Amino acid sequence: MAKKKTTAKEKAKINPDLDGLSVNINSLGEVVTSYDIDKLNQFLNENVDDKKLRDRPDSPREEEPPAKKPKTPKK
């Protein structure tokens, strides 16, 4: 029988602000990270557009125009 070749895991491409981030799941199913959850949430709030929150008046991204709705195909 031929042996299977093992390949080294490639590092995921991440934002330089999150350099050193590692996320693992332990044997109990808990998510374990190398960063504080509050820091991760702050980074996500600043850099990721949440489409559910776009039209809220208290949204921090009020200066951006609302996204266009996709066109539906004609029947």
PDB file of N, CA and C in Angstrom:
ATOM      1  N   MET A   1       0.829  -1.181   0.000  1.00  0.00           N
ATOM      2  CA  MET A   1       0.000   0.000   0.000  1.00  0.00           C
ATOM      3  C   MET A   1       0.875   1.246   0.000  1.00  0.00           C
ATOM      4  N   ALA A   2       0.461   2.225  -0.767  1.00  0.00           N
ATOM      5  CA  ALA A   2       1.206   3.477  -0.832  1.00  0.00           C
ATOM      6  C   ALA A   2       0.852   4.358   0.362  1.00  0.00           C
ATOM      7  N   LYS A   3       1.851   5.051   0.848  1.00  0.00           N
ATOM      8  CA  LYS A   3       1.611   5.965   1.960  1.00  0.00           C
ATOM      9  C   LYS A   3       1.047   7.279   1.423  1.00  0.00           C
ATOM     10  N   LYS A   4       0.173   7.865   2.194  1.00  0.00           N
ATOM     11  CA  LYS A   4      -0.377   9.165   1.818  1.00  0.00           C
ATOM     12  C   LYS A   4       0.636  10.252   2.154  1.00  0.00           C
ATOM     13  N   LYS A   5       0.775  11.187   1.242  1.00  0.00           N
ATOM     14  CA  LYS A   5       1.667  12.311   1.490  1.00  0.00           C
ATOM     15  C   LYS A   5       0.934  13.352   2.321  1.00  0.00           C
ATOM     16  N   THR A   6       1.578  13.820   3.345  1.00  0.00           N
ATOM     17  CA  THR A   6       0.984  14.874   4.152  1.00  0.00           C
ATOM     18  C   THR A   6       1.523  16.212   3.677  1.00  0.00           C
ATOM     19  N   THR A   7       0.654  17.161   3.583  1.00  0.00           N
ATOM     20  CA  THR A   7       1.063  18.494   3.173  1.00  0.00           C
ATOM     21  C   THR A   7       0.937  19.439   4.355  1.00  0.00           C
ATOM     22  N   ALA A   8       1.794  20.411   4.377  1.00  0.00           N
ATOM     23  CA  ALA A   8       1.756  21.408   5.447  1.00  0.00           C
ATOM     24  C   ALA A   8       0.562  22.330   5.234  1.00  0.00           C
ATOM     25  N   LYS A   9      -0.069  22.717   6.328  1.00  0.00           N
ATOM     26  CA  LYS A   9      -1.202  23.636   6.224  1.00  0.00           C
ATOM     27  C   LYS A   9      -0.707  25.011   5.812  1.00  0.00           C
ATOM     28  N   GLU A  10      -1.421  25.603   4.874  1.00  0.00           N
ATOM     29  CA  GLU A  10      -1.086  26.961   4.453  1.00  0.00           C
ATOM     30  C   GLU A  10      -1.752  27.949   5.403  1.00  0.00           C
ATOM     31  N   LYS A  11      -1.047  29.030   5.670  1.00  0.00           N
ATOM     32  CA  LYS A  11      -1.635  30.069   6.510  1.00  0.00           C
ATOM     33  C   LYS A  11      -2.669  30.827   5.707  1.00  0.00           C
ATOM     34  N   ALA A  12      -3.766  31.155   6.340  1.00  0.00           N
ATOM     35  CA  ALA A  12      -4.814  31.928   5.695  1.00  0.00           C
ATOM     36  C   ALA A  12      -4.365  33.374   5.539  1.00  0.00           C
ATOM     37  N   LYS A  13      -4.820  34.009   4.471  1.00  0.00           N
ATOM     38  CA  LYS A  13      -4.513  35.428   4.267  1.00  0.00           C
ATOM     39  C   LYS A  13      -5.435  36.240   5.161  1.00  0.00           C
ATOM     40  N   ILE A  14      -4.844  37.058   6.018  1.00  0.00           N
ATOM     41  CA  ILE A  14      -5.646  37.874   6.917  1.00  0.00           C
ATOM     42  C   ILE A  14      -5.179  39.315   6.862  1.00  0.00           C
ATOM     43  N   ASN A  15      -6.003  40.190   7.367  1.00  0.00           N
ATOM     44  CA  ASN A  15      -5.691  41.603   7.455  1.00  0.00           C
ATOM     45  C   ASN A  15      -4.498  41.789   8.389  1.00  0.00           C
ATOM     46  N   PRO A  16      -3.574  42.681   8.041  1.00  0.00           N
ATOM     47  CA  PRO A  16      -2.404  42.906   8.916  1.00  0.00           C
ATOM     48  C   PRO A  16      -2.777  43.348  10.329  1.00  0.00           C
ATOM     49  N   ASP A  17      -3.955  43.950  10.503  1.00  0.00           N
ATOM     50  CA  ASP A  17      -4.376  44.359  11.846  1.00  0.00           C
ATOM     51  C   ASP A  17      -4.645  43.157  12.745  1.00  0.00           C
ATOM     52  N   LEU A  18      -4.915  42.007  12.147  1.00  0.00           N
ATOM     53  CA  LEU A  18      -5.214  40.804  12.916  1.00  0.00           C
ATOM     54  C   LEU A  18      -4.065  39.801  12.880  1.00  0.00           C
ATOM     55  N   ASP A  19      -2.860  40.287  12.662  1.00  0.00           N
ATOM     56  CA  ASP A  19      -1.708  39.404  12.593  1.00  0.00           C
ATOM     57  C   ASP A  19      -1.549  38.650  13.916  1.00  0.00           C
ATOM     58  N   GLY A  20      -1.386  37.364  13.848  1.00  0.00           N
ATOM     59  CA  GLY A  20      -1.249  36.550  15.045  1.00  0.00           C
ATOM     60  C   GLY A  20      -2.545  35.931  15.522  1.00  0.00           C
ATOM     61  N   LEU A  21      -3.632  36.165  14.816  1.00  0.00           N
ATOM     62  CA  LEU A  21      -4.924  35.607  15.198  1.00  0.00           C
ATOM     63  C   LEU A  21      -4.953  34.116  14.895  1.00  0.00           C
ATOM     64  N   SER A  22      -5.382  33.351  15.840  1.00  0.00           N
ATOM     65  CA  SER A  22      -5.616  31.927  15.601  1.00  0.00           C
ATOM     66  C   SER A  22      -6.947  31.561  16.248  1.00  0.00           C
ATOM     67  N   VAL A  23      -7.739  30.784  15.526  1.00  0.00           N
ATOM     68  CA  VAL A  23      -9.042  30.357  16.008  1.00  0.00           C
ATOM     69  C   VAL A  23      -9.066  28.837  15.943  1.00  0.00           C
ATOM     70  N   ASN A  24      -9.372  28.212  17.059  1.00  0.00           N
ATOM     71  CA  ASN A  24      -9.438  26.753  17.141  1.00  0.00           C
ATOM     72  C   ASN A  24     -10.701  26.348  17.881  1.00  0.00           C
ATOM     73  N   ILE A  25     -11.107  25.108  17.678  1.00  0.00           N
ATOM     74  CA  ILE A  25     -12.241  24.549  18.408  1.00  0.00           C
ATOM     75  C   ILE A  25     -11.704  23.405  19.261  1.00  0.00           C
ATOM     76  N   ASN A  26     -11.937  23.482  20.559  1.00  0.00           N
ATOM     77  CA  ASN A  26     -11.416  22.448  21.446  1.00  0.00           C
ATOM     78  C   ASN A  26     -12.325  21.221  21.434  1.00  0.00           C
ATOM     79  N   SER A  27     -11.982  20.218  22.213  1.00  0.00           N
ATOM     80  CA  SER A  27     -12.716  18.957  22.208  1.00  0.00           C
ATOM     81  C   SER A  27     -14.145  19.095  22.737  1.00  0.00           C
ATOM     82  N   LEU A  28     -14.429  20.165  23.452  1.00  0.00           N
ATOM     83  CA  LEU A  28     -15.779  20.404  23.963  1.00  0.00           C
ATOM     84  C   LEU A  28     -16.634  21.222  22.999  1.00  0.00           C
ATOM     85  N   GLY A  29     -16.057  21.628  21.867  1.00  0.00           N
ATOM     86  CA  GLY A  29     -16.794  22.405  20.886  1.00  0.00           C
ATOM     87  C   GLY A  29     -16.748  23.899  21.143  1.00  0.00           C
ATOM     88  N   GLU A  30     -15.897  24.345  22.042  1.00  0.00           N
ATOM     89  CA  GLU A  30     -15.767  25.765  22.341  1.00  0.00           C
ATOM     90  C   GLU A  30     -14.776  26.405  21.381  1.00  0.00           C
ATOM     91  N   VAL A  31     -15.080  27.630  20.948  1.00  0.00           N
ATOM     92  CA  VAL A  31     -14.180  28.368  20.079  1.00  0.00           C
ATOM     93  C   VAL A  31     -13.126  29.048  20.945  1.00  0.00           C
ATOM     94  N   VAL A  32     -11.866  28.788  20.635  1.00  0.00           N
ATOM     95  CA  VAL A  32     -10.744  29.349  21.388  1.00  0.00           C
ATOM     96  C   VAL A  32      -9.948  30.239  20.439  1.00  0.00           C
ATOM     97  N   THR A  33      -9.780  31.516  20.814  1.00  0.00           N
ATOM     98  CA  THR A  33      -9.048  32.449  19.968  1.00  0.00           C
ATOM     99  C   THR A  33      -7.857  33.015  20.728  1.00  0.00           C
ATOM    100  N   SER A  34      -6.904  33.535  19.957  1.00  0.00           N
ATOM    101  CA  SER A  34      -5.737  34.152  20.575  1.00  0.00           C
ATOM    102  C   SER A  34      -5.958  35.647  20.813  1.00  0.00           C
ATOM    103  N   TYR A  35      -7.070  36.194  20.368  1.00  0.00           N
ATOM    104  CA  TYR A  35      -7.413  37.603  20.564  1.00  0.00           C
ATOM    105  C   TYR A  35      -8.632  37.701  21.459  1.00  0.00           C
ATOM    106  N   ASP A  36      -8.765  38.832  22.110  1.00  0.00           N
ATOM    107  CA  ASP A  36      -9.932  39.113  22.919  1.00  0.00           C
ATOM    108  C   ASP A  36     -11.143  39.291  22.006  1.00  0.00           C
ATOM    109  N   ILE A  37     -12.266  38.744  22.390  1.00  0.00           N
ATOM    110  CA  ILE A  37     -13.484  38.813  21.583  1.00  0.00           C
ATOM    111  C   ILE A  37     -13.903  40.263  21.342  1.00  0.00           C
ATOM    112  N   ASP A  38     -13.731  41.133  22.327  1.00  0.00           N
ATOM    113  CA  ASP A  38     -14.104  42.540  22.160  1.00  0.00           C
ATOM    114  C   ASP A  38     -13.268  43.213  21.074  1.00  0.00           C
ATOM    115  N   LYS A  39     -11.975  42.877  20.988  1.00  0.00           N
ATOM    116  CA  LYS A  39     -11.119  43.434  19.937  1.00  0.00           C
ATOM    117  C   LYS A  39     -11.557  42.935  18.564  1.00  0.00           C
ATOM    118  N   LEU A  40     -11.923  41.660  18.480  1.00  0.00           N
ATOM    119  CA  LEU A  40     -12.404  41.113  17.211  1.00  0.00           C
ATOM    120  C   LEU A  40     -13.700  41.790  16.781  1.00  0.00           C
ATOM    121  N   ASN A  41     -14.623  41.971  17.707  1.00  0.00           N
ATOM    122  CA  ASN A  41     -15.887  42.630  17.387  1.00  0.00           C
ATOM    123  C   ASN A  41     -15.673  44.074  16.944  1.00  0.00           C
ATOM    124  N   GLN A  42     -14.769  44.778  17.593  1.00  0.00           N
ATOM    125  CA  GLN A  42     -14.479  46.155  17.212  1.00  0.00           C
ATOM    126  C   GLN A  42     -13.901  46.199  15.795  1.00  0.00           C
ATOM    127  N   PHE A  43     -12.985  45.291  15.479  1.00  0.00           N
ATOM    128  CA  PHE A  43     -12.408  45.225  14.137  1.00  0.00           C
ATOM    129  C   PHE A  43     -13.494  44.944  13.098  1.00  0.00           C
ATOM    130  N   LEU A  44     -14.370  44.000  13.383  1.00  0.00           N
ATOM    131  CA  LEU A  44     -15.433  43.659  12.441  1.00  0.00           C
ATOM    132  C   LEU A  44     -16.400  44.818  12.253  1.00  0.00           C
ATOM    133  N   ASN A  45     -16.738  45.527  13.325  1.00  0.00           N
ATOM    134  CA  ASN A  45     -17.639  46.676  13.212  1.00  0.00           C
ATOM    135  C   ASN A  45     -17.050  47.774  12.332  1.00  0.00           C
ATOM    136  N   GLU A  46     -15.747  47.953  12.389  1.00  0.00           N
ATOM    137  CA  GLU A  46     -15.094  49.007  11.619  1.00  0.00           C
ATOM    138  C   GLU A  46     -14.863  48.617  10.161  1.00  0.00           C
ATOM    139  N   ASN A  47     -14.657  47.333   9.870  1.00  0.00           N
ATOM    140  CA  ASN A  47     -14.201  46.928   8.549  1.00  0.00           C
ATOM    141  C   ASN A  47     -15.177  46.095   7.725  1.00  0.00           C
ATOM    142  N   VAL A  48     -16.247  45.610   8.317  1.00  0.00           N
ATOM    143  CA  VAL A  48     -17.165  44.745   7.582  1.00  0.00           C
ATOM    144  C   VAL A  48     -18.530  45.411   7.511  1.00  0.00           C
ATOM    145  N   ASP A  49     -19.079  45.445   6.307  1.00  0.00           N
ATOM    146  CA  ASP A  49     -20.389  46.032   6.096  1.00  0.00           C
ATOM    147  C   ASP A  49     -21.462  45.001   6.432  1.00  0.00           C
ATOM    148  N   ASP A  50     -22.333  45.323   7.374  1.00  0.00           N
ATOM    149  CA  ASP A  50     -23.415  44.427   7.754  1.00  0.00           C
ATOM    150  C   ASP A  50     -24.669  44.860   7.018  1.00  0.00           C
ATOM    151  N   LYS A  51     -25.115  44.071   6.055  1.00  0.00           N
ATOM    152  CA  LYS A  51     -26.235  44.480   5.214  1.00  0.00           C
ATOM    153  C   LYS A  51     -27.544  44.590   5.994  1.00  0.00           C
ATOM    154  N   LYS A  52     -27.653  43.940   7.120  1.00  0.00           N
ATOM    155  CA  LYS A  52     -28.875  44.045   7.923  1.00  0.00           C
ATOM    156  C   LYS A  52     -28.961  45.386   8.646  1.00  0.00           C
ATOM    157  N   LEU A  53     -27.809  46.032   8.837  1.00  0.00           N
ATOM    158  CA  LEU A  53     -27.783  47.287   9.587  1.00  0.00           C
ATOM    159  C   LEU A  53     -27.597  48.512   8.692  1.00  0.00           C
ATOM    160  N   ARG A  54     -27.607  48.358   7.384  1.00  0.00           N
ATOM    161  CA  ARG A  54     -27.339  49.477   6.472  1.00  0.00           C
ATOM    162  C   ARG A  54     -28.338  50.620   6.609  1.00  0.00           C
ATOM    163  N   ASP A  55     -29.605  50.319   6.758  1.00  0.00           N
ATOM    164  CA  ASP A  55     -30.648  51.342   6.722  1.00  0.00           C
ATOM    165  C   ASP A  55     -31.009  51.896   8.093  1.00  0.00           C
ATOM    166  N   ARG A  56     -30.308  51.498   9.120  1.00  0.00           N
ATOM    167  CA  ARG A  56     -30.597  52.007  10.456  1.00  0.00           C
ATOM    168  C   ARG A  56     -30.069  53.428  10.600  1.00  0.00           C
ATOM    169  N   PRO A  57     -30.833  54.315  11.234  1.00  0.00           N
ATOM    170  CA  PRO A  57     -30.380  55.700  11.385  1.00  0.00           C
ATOM    171  C   PRO A  57     -29.180  55.848  12.321  1.00  0.00           C
ATOM    172  N   ASP A  58     -28.970  54.927  13.249  1.00  0.00           N
ATOM    173  CA  ASP A  58     -27.846  55.036  14.172  1.00  0.00           C
ATOM    174  C   ASP A  58     -26.609  54.318  13.648  1.00  0.00           C
ATOM    175  N   SER A  59     -26.632  53.912  12.392  1.00  0.00           N
ATOM    176  CA  SER A  59     -25.506  53.218  11.784  1.00  0.00           C
ATOM    177  C   SER A  59     -24.329  54.172  11.625  1.00  0.00           C
ATOM    178  N   PRO A  60     -23.101  53.733  11.923  1.00  0.00           N
ATOM    179  CA  PRO A  60     -21.938  54.617  11.791  1.00  0.00           C
ATOM    180  C   PRO A  60     -21.560  54.892  10.338  1.00  0.00           C
ATOM    181  N   ARG A  61     -22.133  54.205   9.386  1.00  0.00           N
ATOM    182  CA  ARG A  61     -21.806  54.363   7.981  1.00  0.00           C
ATOM    183  C   ARG A  61     -22.892  55.147   7.238  1.00  0.00           C
ATOM    184  N   GLU A  62     -23.353  56.223   7.810  1.00  0.00           N
ATOM    185  CA  GLU A  62     -24.425  57.003   7.203  1.00  0.00           C
ATOM    186  C   GLU A  62     -23.990  57.722   5.936  1.00  0.00           C
ATOM    187  N   GLU A  63     -22.692  58.016   5.790  1.00  0.00           N
ATOM    188  CA  GLU A  63     -22.225  58.768   4.632  1.00  0.00           C
ATOM    189  C   GLU A  63     -22.214  57.934   3.347  1.00  0.00           C
ATOM    190  N   GLU A  64     -22.266  56.618   3.466  1.00  0.00           N
ATOM    191  CA  GLU A  64     -22.266  55.763   2.288  1.00  0.00           C
ATOM    192  C   GLU A  64     -23.675  55.654   1.716  1.00  0.00           C
ATOM    193  N   PRO A  65     -23.808  55.657   0.394  1.00  0.00           N
ATOM    194  CA  PRO A  65     -25.143  55.501  -0.187  1.00  0.00           C
ATOM    195  C   PRO A  65     -25.634  54.076   0.017  1.00  0.00           C
ATOM    196  N   PRO A  66     -26.951  53.892   0.103  1.00  0.00           N
ATOM    197  CA  PRO A  66     -27.465  52.544   0.282  1.00  0.00           C
ATOM    198  C   PRO A  66     -27.162  51.692  -0.951  1.00  0.00           C
ATOM    199  N   ALA A  67     -26.955  50.426  -0.720  1.00  0.00           N
ATOM    200  CA  ALA A  67     -26.621  49.522  -1.814  1.00  0.00           C
ATOM    201  C   ALA A  67     -27.846  49.301  -2.701  1.00  0.00           C
ATOM    202  N   LYS A  68     -27.601  49.135  -3.996  1.00  0.00           N
ATOM    203  CA  LYS A  68     -28.687  48.878  -4.926  1.00  0.00           C
ATOM    204  C   LYS A  68     -29.156  47.445  -4.782  1.00  0.00           C
ATOM    205  N   LYS A  69     -30.455  47.254  -4.942  1.00  0.00           N
ATOM    206  CA  LYS A  69     -31.005  45.914  -4.880  1.00  0.00           C
ATOM    207  C   LYS A  69     -30.706  45.199  -6.193  1.00  0.00           C
ATOM    208  N   PRO A  70     -30.436  43.909  -6.143  1.00  0.00           N
ATOM    209  CA  PRO A  70     -30.174  43.191  -7.379  1.00  0.00           C
ATOM    210  C   PRO A  70     -31.427  43.109  -8.233  1.00  0.00           C
ATOM    211  N   LYS A  71     -31.231  43.182  -9.530  1.00  0.00           N
ATOM    212  CA  LYS A  71     -32.362  43.100 -10.449  1.00  0.00           C
ATOM    213  C   LYS A  71     -32.868  41.681 -10.509  1.00  0.00           C
ATOM    214  N   THR A  72     -34.172  41.558 -10.530  1.00  0.00           N
ATOM    215  CA  THR A  72     -34.755  40.224 -10.652  1.00  0.00           C
ATOM    216  C   THR A  72     -34.926  39.897 -12.130  1.00  0.00           C
ATOM    217  N   PRO A  73     -34.684  38.671 -12.511  1.00  0.00           N
ATOM    218  CA  PRO A  73     -34.819  38.308 -13.932  1.00  0.00           C
ATOM    219  C   PRO A  73     -36.272  38.380 -14.380  1.00  0.00           C
ATOM    220  N   LYS A  74     -36.457  38.802 -15.613  1.00  0.00           N
ATOM    221  CA  LYS A  74     -37.803  38.888 -16.161  1.00  0.00           C
ATOM    222  C   LYS A  74     -38.258  37.508 -16.573  1.00  0.00           C
ATOM    223  N   LYS A  75     -39.537  37.279 -16.394  1.00  0.00           N
ATOM    224  CA  LYS A  75     -40.092  35.965 -16.764  1.00  0.00           C
ATOM    225  C   LYS A  75     -40.635  35.995 -18.159  1.00  0.00           C
TER     226      LYS A  75
END
